[in-house]
Amino acid sequence: MSIYLMCLHNGTPIFNKKRGENIENLPFSTTASLSSVHLFCQAQTNIDLTSTQFDDGLILWREYETLLFIGISNNLSEKVLASLIEKAYYAMVLHVGLNEIKNIKNSDRMKRELKSTFYQMIEKLMDFAENDLLDYNESILCHEASLIQQKLNEFCELPIASPFCFMLTKSRLICASLGFYDLHVTDRKLLILLLTQLNVSQKDIPVFLPHKSPNIAYRLIGQSLIQGVTIGLLCGQQKYEDLEILCQDFWQDSYELLVKAEISNPRNFPQTIEFDSTVLGFLLINKHNKKYVISKNIQQVASKRNSHRMNILRTFFNEAVDLDNFKNSSFYDSSIENITVNEHYYVSDYHKCHAIIDENYILCVLYLSVIPTYAMSFLTQDVLNKLLSDKSIEW
């Protein structure tokens, strides 16, 4: 896999990042040529250059305000690469605000204003672009989530707390307040990513929410409750010291609960739930809250194939199950009457995939190839029932 991601202002690079094994830096002449061809097309009537393909990859151009983003990849789909570029732009808004981007007077000054956490976020986005659902927030399922959610709701109602709170374990959501879920999913994604990039001395940082508040800064405050569990808050003028004391005092009687939730990693769902032996992994998506949980290690056996399983589930969802993606593709004919598809399946020599879609959830399950195709529908429904029937699992 190779990815190049660059941002330019009036032809001057703001940043230029690469990801992949044994790939070289793009020479400035290549970057300048890519920028120039886009500028040339802009000068021509009715020509809008947004993408092109070459032998083993594609190039995308995206304009945001005064910035030009260029993405190049040899194995990402156009949808994923476009989403990566969009998240990179919003990460910039998160750090400096929309007004600053609209009124860039000096490219070098802009580079200095972008904090190190911004570049860390870009690198992280590029790292998991292939293996993450960029338009959803990753979560875990655990029996303790319902009690933690109740506690979090009480915490949000305190006078000096915040209506925008979320609880993380290793960058995955345990639970969050209603105010947090009301934020745009991209704002949530970037806040979670930023909080996981902050070091111990950087737990209070100004942020501009790209969709909710792109010009007026909030404060993102993170507080570690136990090892592996962090609470994040969006605040205004509250003193950090007061919030730090409040967090420790309020949650000190819940440490045992948080420890039990934390050990759900990396399985990401309760140990008490068991599935058929042919189930290798699953991807469960909450359509309303735009979050997902993925488990690629059902058998609890360490294996180099674990990451491959996640890739299969992600690819199956992106290419076969995500109907929004299909409607935006060149294959979709809007003149044809909409047909509701509630199940999808895929069969290969090595594995099988099956998905069911209802009003609130999407579940994709990866099976061993030995399972009869006709049995997948029943087993997938069984997996969904087991995951959602326990009322203590907040999902």
Protein backbone atom coordinates (compact mmCIF):
# COMPACT_ATOMS: atom_id res chain seq x y z
CA MET A 1 0.00 0.00 0.00
CA SER A 2 1.20 3.50 -0.78
CA ILE A 3 -0.50 6.81 -0.03
CA TYR A 4 0.64 10.35 -0.77
CA LEU A 5 -1.29 13.23 0.75
CA MET A 6 -0.36 16.86 0.19
CA CYS A 7 -1.88 20.27 0.79
CA LEU A 8 -0.96 23.44 -1.11
CA HIS A 9 -1.84 27.12 -0.89
CA ASN A 10 -1.28 29.06 -4.10
CA GLY A 11 1.13 26.36 -5.24
CA THR A 12 3.16 26.43 -2.00
CA PRO A 13 3.12 23.17 0.00
CA ILE A 14 1.63 23.35 3.51
CA PHE A 15 2.40 19.69 4.15
CA ASN A 16 3.40 16.62 2.16
CA LYS A 17 2.97 13.19 3.77
CA LYS A 18 3.53 9.64 2.57
CA ARG A 19 2.69 6.20 3.90
CA GLY A 20 3.84 2.78 2.69
CA GLU A 21 6.86 0.54 2.54
CA ASN A 22 9.90 1.56 0.49
CA ILE A 23 8.26 4.53 -1.21
CA GLU A 24 10.18 7.64 -2.09
CA ASN A 25 9.27 11.27 -1.52
CA LEU A 26 7.52 12.93 -4.42
CA PRO A 27 9.87 15.49 -6.00
CA PHE A 28 8.66 19.08 -5.88
CA SER A 29 8.45 19.14 -9.68
CA THR A 30 5.82 16.37 -9.56
CA THR A 31 3.82 18.16 -6.87
CA ALA A 32 4.02 21.39 -8.87
CA SER A 33 2.89 19.61 -12.03
CA LEU A 34 -0.13 18.09 -10.27
CA SER A 35 -1.07 21.51 -8.93
CA SER A 36 -0.54 23.17 -12.31
CA VAL A 37 -2.68 20.75 -14.28
CA HIS A 38 -5.54 21.36 -11.85
CA LEU A 39 -5.07 25.12 -12.19
CA PHE A 40 -5.04 24.79 -16.00
CA CYS A 41 -8.32 22.87 -15.99
CA GLN A 42 -9.85 25.49 -13.72
CA ALA A 43 -9.02 28.15 -16.31
CA GLN A 44 -10.88 26.21 -19.00
CA THR A 45 -14.63 26.40 -19.38
CA ASN A 46 -16.65 23.41 -18.12
CA ILE A 47 -13.61 21.42 -17.00
CA ASP A 48 -13.58 20.24 -13.38
CA LEU A 49 -10.64 17.97 -12.67
CA THR A 50 -11.32 15.94 -9.54
CA SER A 51 -9.77 12.55 -10.32
CA THR A 52 -7.77 10.49 -12.75
CA GLN A 53 -6.53 6.92 -12.86
CA PHE A 54 -3.17 5.48 -13.80
CA ASP A 55 -1.92 1.91 -14.24
CA ASP A 56 -2.20 0.80 -10.62
CA GLY A 57 -3.82 3.66 -8.73
CA LEU A 58 -5.62 6.97 -8.78
CA ILE A 59 -5.12 10.67 -8.07
CA LEU A 60 -7.73 12.93 -6.47
CA TRP A 61 -7.85 16.72 -6.33
CA ARG A 62 -10.06 18.47 -3.79
CA GLU A 63 -10.42 22.20 -3.16
CA TYR A 64 -11.41 23.61 0.22
CA GLU A 65 -11.51 27.40 0.58
CA THR A 66 -7.98 28.58 -0.34
CA LEU A 67 -6.40 25.12 -0.15
CA LEU A 68 -5.80 22.38 -2.71
CA PHE A 69 -5.49 18.82 -1.43
CA ILE A 70 -4.01 16.09 -3.63
CA GLY A 71 -4.24 12.41 -2.74
CA ILE A 72 -2.50 9.54 -4.54
CA SER A 73 -2.91 5.85 -3.76
CA ASN A 74 -2.38 2.53 -5.49
CA ASN A 75 -4.95 0.49 -3.58
CA LEU A 76 -7.50 2.73 -1.82
CA SER A 77 -10.88 3.13 -3.45
CA GLU A 78 -11.94 6.58 -4.59
CA LYS A 79 -14.49 6.73 -1.78
CA VAL A 80 -11.90 6.01 0.94
CA LEU A 81 -9.24 8.33 -0.50
CA ALA A 82 -11.79 11.15 -0.83
CA SER A 83 -12.86 10.58 2.78
CA LEU A 84 -9.21 10.67 3.90
CA ILE A 85 -8.69 14.03 2.15
CA GLU A 86 -11.87 15.41 3.70
CA LYS A 87 -10.80 14.34 7.20
CA ALA A 88 -7.36 15.92 6.67
CA TYR A 89 -9.00 19.24 5.80
CA TYR A 90 -11.35 19.11 8.78
CA ALA A 91 -8.39 18.25 11.02
CA MET A 92 -6.82 21.51 9.87
CA VAL A 93 -10.03 23.40 10.68
CA LEU A 94 -10.03 21.72 14.09
CA HIS A 95 -6.62 23.22 14.88
CA VAL A 96 -6.69 26.73 13.38
CA GLY A 97 -10.33 27.52 12.58
CA LEU A 98 -12.10 28.26 9.32
CA ASN A 99 -11.40 32.01 9.30
CA GLU A 100 -7.66 31.40 9.41
CA ILE A 101 -7.89 29.06 6.43
CA LYS A 102 -10.01 31.53 4.45
CA ASN A 103 -7.50 34.32 5.04
CA ILE A 104 -4.07 32.71 4.70
CA LYS A 105 -1.56 35.49 4.10
CA ASN A 106 1.64 33.56 4.70
CA SER A 107 2.07 29.85 4.05
CA ASP A 108 5.09 29.57 6.36
CA ARG A 109 3.11 31.11 9.20
CA MET A 110 0.31 28.61 8.62
CA LYS A 111 2.82 25.76 8.86
CA ARG A 112 4.01 27.10 12.23
CA GLU A 113 0.48 27.48 13.56
CA LEU A 114 -0.36 23.88 12.82
CA LYS A 115 0.64 22.06 16.00
CA SER A 116 2.54 18.80 16.09
CA THR A 117 -0.70 17.05 17.02
CA PHE A 118 -2.13 18.01 13.62
CA TYR A 119 0.65 16.21 11.77
CA GLN A 120 0.30 13.24 14.11
CA MET A 121 -3.41 13.11 13.31
CA ILE A 122 -2.74 13.19 9.56
CA GLU A 123 -0.23 10.36 9.87
CA LYS A 124 -2.67 8.36 11.99
CA LEU A 125 -5.49 8.89 9.50
CA MET A 126 -3.22 7.66 6.72
CA ASP A 127 -2.14 4.67 8.80
CA PHE A 128 -5.63 3.32 9.30
CA ALA A 129 -7.30 4.63 6.14
CA GLU A 130 -7.31 1.11 4.70
CA ASN A 131 -8.50 -0.63 7.88
CA ASP A 132 -10.92 1.86 9.41
CA LEU A 133 -14.40 3.10 8.58
CA LEU A 134 -13.56 6.79 8.40
CA ASP A 135 -17.21 7.89 8.50
CA TYR A 136 -17.99 6.02 11.74
CA ASN A 137 -16.68 6.00 15.33
CA GLU A 138 -15.18 2.76 16.65
CA SER A 139 -16.71 1.44 19.87
CA ILE A 140 -16.73 -1.58 22.14
CA LEU A 141 -19.55 -3.67 23.60
CA CYS A 142 -19.42 -4.47 27.31
CA HIS A 143 -21.85 -5.37 30.11
CA GLU A 144 -20.66 -2.40 32.17
CA ALA A 145 -21.59 0.18 29.50
CA SER A 146 -25.16 0.69 30.75
CA LEU A 147 -24.06 1.52 34.30
CA ILE A 148 -21.22 3.72 33.03
CA GLN A 149 -23.70 5.52 30.77
CA GLN A 150 -25.97 6.28 33.73
CA LYS A 151 -22.99 7.58 35.67
CA LEU A 152 -21.86 9.69 32.72
CA ASN A 153 -25.34 11.23 32.36
CA GLU A 154 -25.20 12.25 36.03
CA PHE A 155 -21.74 13.71 35.51
CA CYS A 156 -22.91 15.82 32.56
CA GLU A 157 -25.61 17.43 34.71
CA LEU A 158 -23.12 18.79 37.24
CA PRO A 159 -22.82 22.62 37.11
CA ILE A 160 -19.17 22.81 36.04
CA ALA A 161 -19.16 19.70 33.84
CA SER A 162 -20.12 19.59 30.15
CA PRO A 163 -23.00 18.26 28.04
CA PHE A 164 -20.38 16.99 25.55
CA CYS A 165 -18.66 14.07 27.28
CA PHE A 166 -17.30 10.76 26.04
CA MET A 167 -15.50 7.80 27.56
CA LEU A 168 -12.68 6.02 25.70
CA THR A 169 -10.70 2.88 26.13
CA LYS A 170 -7.72 2.64 23.78
CA SER A 171 -9.37 5.09 21.32
CA ARG A 172 -12.68 3.18 21.29
CA LEU A 173 -15.92 4.58 22.66
CA ILE A 174 -17.37 2.94 25.76
CA CYS A 175 -20.24 5.43 25.96
CA ALA A 176 -20.99 9.10 25.40
CA SER A 177 -23.51 11.79 26.29
CA LEU A 178 -26.46 12.71 24.07
CA GLY A 179 -24.78 16.06 23.42
CA PHE A 180 -21.71 14.29 22.07
CA TYR A 181 -23.79 12.09 19.75
CA ASP A 182 -25.56 15.22 18.49
CA LEU A 183 -22.24 16.41 17.06
CA HIS A 184 -21.43 15.60 13.45
CA VAL A 185 -19.72 12.21 13.17
CA THR A 186 -16.60 13.84 11.67
CA ASP A 187 -16.32 16.22 14.62
CA ARG A 188 -16.57 13.23 16.94
CA LYS A 189 -14.02 11.25 14.95
CA LEU A 190 -11.45 14.04 15.09
CA LEU A 191 -12.01 14.78 18.79
CA ILE A 192 -11.43 11.12 19.66
CA LEU A 193 -8.36 10.97 17.43
CA LEU A 194 -6.94 14.18 18.87
CA LEU A 195 -7.46 13.07 22.46
CA THR A 196 -5.61 9.82 21.83
CA GLN A 197 -2.67 11.79 20.35
CA LEU A 198 -2.27 14.16 23.31
CA ASN A 199 0.49 13.45 25.81
CA VAL A 200 0.19 13.78 29.58
CA SER A 201 1.03 17.50 29.54
CA GLN A 202 -1.45 18.35 26.75
CA LYS A 203 -4.84 17.53 28.21
CA ASP A 204 -6.32 21.00 27.67
CA ILE A 205 -6.28 22.23 24.08
CA PRO A 206 -8.43 24.68 22.06
CA VAL A 207 -10.40 23.14 19.20
CA PHE A 208 -12.67 24.44 16.43
CA LEU A 209 -15.44 21.99 15.58
CA PRO A 210 -15.58 21.87 11.74
CA HIS A 211 -19.35 21.48 11.60
CA LYS A 212 -20.66 22.87 14.89
CA SER A 213 -18.31 25.78 15.56
CA PRO A 214 -15.61 26.33 12.88
CA ASN A 215 -14.81 29.91 13.99
CA ILE A 216 -15.23 29.90 17.78
CA ALA A 217 -12.99 27.62 19.80
CA TYR A 218 -14.04 25.16 22.48
CA ARG A 219 -11.61 23.53 24.90
CA LEU A 220 -11.01 19.79 24.66
CA ILE A 221 -10.08 18.45 28.08
CA GLY A 222 -8.99 14.88 28.69
CA GLN A 223 -8.63 13.19 32.05
CA SER A 224 -7.24 9.71 32.58
CA LEU A 225 -9.39 7.84 35.11
CA ILE A 226 -7.51 4.56 35.13
CA GLN A 227 -4.84 3.12 32.87
CA GLY A 228 -6.45 2.63 29.46
CA VAL A 229 -9.64 4.63 30.18
CA THR A 230 -9.97 8.37 29.49
CA ILE A 231 -12.86 10.80 29.74
CA GLY A 232 -13.06 13.66 27.26
CA LEU A 233 -15.04 16.90 27.69
CA LEU A 234 -15.79 19.88 25.48
CA CYS A 235 -15.78 22.93 27.74
CA GLY A 236 -15.81 26.69 27.79
CA GLN A 237 -14.31 28.79 30.58
CA GLN A 238 -14.14 26.18 33.35
CA LYS A 239 -10.82 25.91 35.14
CA TYR A 240 -8.86 22.79 34.26
CA GLU A 241 -7.86 22.25 37.91
CA ASP A 242 -11.52 22.26 39.00
CA LEU A 243 -12.50 19.78 36.30
CA GLU A 244 -9.56 17.53 37.14
CA ILE A 245 -10.61 17.36 40.80
CA LEU A 246 -14.25 16.86 39.82
CA CYS A 247 -13.43 13.94 37.52
CA GLN A 248 -11.31 12.13 40.10
CA ASP A 249 -13.82 12.64 42.94
CA PHE A 250 -16.88 11.73 40.87
CA TRP A 251 -15.47 8.57 39.29
CA GLN A 252 -13.41 7.18 42.17
CA ASP A 253 -16.17 4.80 43.29
CA SER A 254 -16.52 3.46 39.72
CA TYR A 255 -12.93 2.35 39.13
CA GLU A 256 -13.79 -1.35 39.38
CA LEU A 257 -16.52 -0.85 36.77
CA LEU A 258 -14.07 0.92 34.43
CA VAL A 259 -11.47 -1.84 34.85
CA LYS A 260 -14.01 -4.47 33.80
CA ALA A 261 -14.95 -2.40 30.75
CA GLU A 262 -11.30 -1.90 29.79
CA ILE A 263 -10.54 -5.62 29.70
CA SER A 264 -13.05 -6.02 26.85
CA ASN A 265 -10.13 -4.98 24.61
CA PRO A 266 -9.12 -6.31 22.13
CA ARG A 267 -12.04 -8.76 21.86
CA ASN A 268 -14.41 -5.74 21.88
CA PHE A 269 -17.45 -7.65 23.11
CA PRO A 270 -18.26 -9.56 26.33
CA GLN A 271 -16.57 -12.85 27.11
CA THR A 272 -19.93 -14.36 28.05
CA ILE A 273 -21.26 -14.16 24.49
CA GLU A 274 -20.40 -17.18 22.34
CA PHE A 275 -21.09 -17.79 18.67
CA ASP A 276 -21.01 -20.73 16.32
CA SER A 277 -17.50 -22.06 15.69
CA THR A 278 -17.68 -21.08 12.01
CA VAL A 279 -17.81 -17.37 12.92
CA LEU A 280 -14.41 -15.71 12.41
CA GLY A 281 -15.36 -12.09 12.97
CA PHE A 282 -18.12 -9.51 12.74
CA LEU A 283 -18.72 -5.84 12.04
CA LEU A 284 -21.74 -4.28 13.76
CA ILE A 285 -22.81 -0.75 12.78
CA ASN A 286 -25.25 1.50 14.59
CA LYS A 287 -26.74 3.55 11.74
CA HIS A 288 -28.32 6.19 13.98
CA ASN A 289 -25.25 7.05 16.09
CA LYS A 290 -22.76 6.37 13.29
CA LYS A 291 -20.59 4.04 15.35
CA TYR A 292 -19.33 0.51 14.90
CA VAL A 293 -17.73 -2.38 16.74
CA ILE A 294 -15.49 -4.86 14.97
CA SER A 295 -14.12 -8.11 16.33
CA LYS A 296 -11.63 -10.11 14.37
CA ASN A 297 -10.51 -12.56 17.03
CA ILE A 298 -13.58 -14.52 18.02
CA GLN A 299 -11.62 -17.67 18.73
CA GLN A 300 -9.25 -15.75 21.03
CA VAL A 301 -6.20 -17.24 19.32
CA ALA A 302 -3.36 -14.93 18.32
CA SER A 303 -2.94 -15.04 14.58
CA LYS A 304 -1.34 -13.03 11.82
CA ARG A 305 -4.62 -13.43 9.97
CA ASN A 306 -6.47 -11.18 12.42
CA SER A 307 -5.75 -7.96 10.50
CA HIS A 308 -6.63 -9.76 7.26
CA ARG A 309 -10.03 -10.65 8.70
CA MET A 310 -10.68 -7.00 9.47
CA ASN A 311 -9.71 -6.07 5.91
CA ILE A 312 -12.17 -8.61 4.53
CA LEU A 313 -15.03 -7.28 6.67
CA ARG A 314 -14.22 -3.67 5.79
CA THR A 315 -13.98 -4.42 2.08
CA PHE A 316 -17.21 -6.43 2.13
CA PHE A 317 -19.02 -3.53 3.80
CA ASN A 318 -17.55 -0.83 1.53
CA GLU A 319 -17.97 -2.69 -1.74
CA ALA A 320 -21.15 -4.72 -1.24
CA VAL A 321 -23.17 -3.51 1.74
CA ASP A 322 -22.79 0.28 1.88
CA LEU A 323 -25.78 1.34 -0.22
CA ASP A 324 -24.91 5.03 0.00
CA ASN A 325 -21.62 4.23 -1.70
CA PHE A 326 -23.46 2.31 -4.45
CA LYS A 327 -25.91 5.17 -5.04
CA ASN A 328 -22.98 7.51 -5.61
CA SER A 329 -21.27 5.17 -8.06
CA SER A 330 -21.44 5.18 -11.86
CA PHE A 331 -23.41 1.90 -11.77
CA TYR A 332 -26.42 3.44 -10.04
CA ASP A 333 -29.38 4.39 -12.24
CA SER A 334 -31.54 6.91 -10.40
CA SER A 335 -34.39 6.36 -12.84
CA ILE A 336 -34.91 2.82 -11.57
CA GLU A 337 -37.31 2.38 -8.67
CA ASN A 338 -35.51 1.93 -5.35
CA ILE A 339 -35.25 -1.67 -4.20
CA THR A 340 -34.72 -2.45 -0.52
CA VAL A 341 -31.97 -5.03 -0.04
CA ASN A 342 -31.94 -6.56 3.45
CA GLU A 343 -29.26 -9.23 2.99
CA HIS A 344 -25.97 -9.59 1.13
CA TYR A 345 -23.54 -12.47 0.87
CA TYR A 346 -20.19 -13.24 -0.69
CA VAL A 347 -18.56 -16.64 -1.26
CA SER A 348 -14.92 -17.49 -1.94
CA ASP A 349 -12.74 -20.59 -1.64
CA TYR A 350 -11.33 -19.40 1.71
CA HIS A 351 -14.21 -17.69 3.53
CA LYS A 352 -17.79 -16.49 3.24
CA CYS A 353 -19.41 -13.20 4.24
CA HIS A 354 -23.00 -12.42 5.05
CA ALA A 355 -24.73 -9.17 6.04
CA ILE A 356 -28.17 -8.25 7.27
CA ILE A 357 -29.55 -4.71 7.27
CA ASP A 358 -32.46 -3.44 9.30
CA GLU A 359 -33.74 -0.01 10.22
CA ASN A 360 -31.16 0.61 12.95
CA TYR A 361 -28.25 -1.77 12.41
CA ILE A 362 -25.98 -3.36 9.85
CA LEU A 363 -24.23 -6.61 10.75
CA CYS A 364 -21.52 -8.17 8.58
CA VAL A 365 -20.21 -11.59 9.63
CA LEU A 366 -17.14 -13.44 8.35
CA TYR A 367 -17.43 -17.25 8.25
CA LEU A 368 -15.23 -20.22 7.54
CA SER A 369 -15.75 -21.43 3.98
CA VAL A 370 -17.14 -24.79 5.20
CA ILE A 371 -20.43 -23.26 6.35
CA PRO A 372 -23.36 -24.01 4.02
CA THR A 373 -24.45 -20.84 2.24
CA TYR A 374 -28.10 -21.37 3.17
CA ALA A 375 -27.18 -21.45 6.90
CA MET A 376 -25.51 -18.02 7.00
CA SER A 377 -28.74 -16.04 7.25
CA PHE A 378 -29.87 -17.91 10.35
CA LEU A 379 -26.47 -17.68 12.05
CA THR A 380 -26.05 -13.97 11.26
CA GLN A 381 -29.43 -13.25 12.83
CA ASP A 382 -28.36 -15.33 15.83
CA VAL A 383 -25.19 -13.23 16.21
CA LEU A 384 -27.23 -10.01 16.06
CA ASN A 385 -29.73 -11.27 18.63
CA LYS A 386 -26.98 -12.28 21.05
CA LEU A 387 -25.22 -8.94 20.73
CA LEU A 388 -28.33 -6.81 21.23
CA SER A 389 -30.54 -8.87 23.55
CA ASP A 390 -28.52 -8.06 26.69
CA LYS A 391 -29.95 -4.78 28.05
CA SER A 392 -26.77 -4.12 30.06
CA ILE A 393 -24.91 -3.59 26.76
CA GLU A 394 -25.40 0.08 25.89
CA TRP A 395 -25.50 0.26 22.10
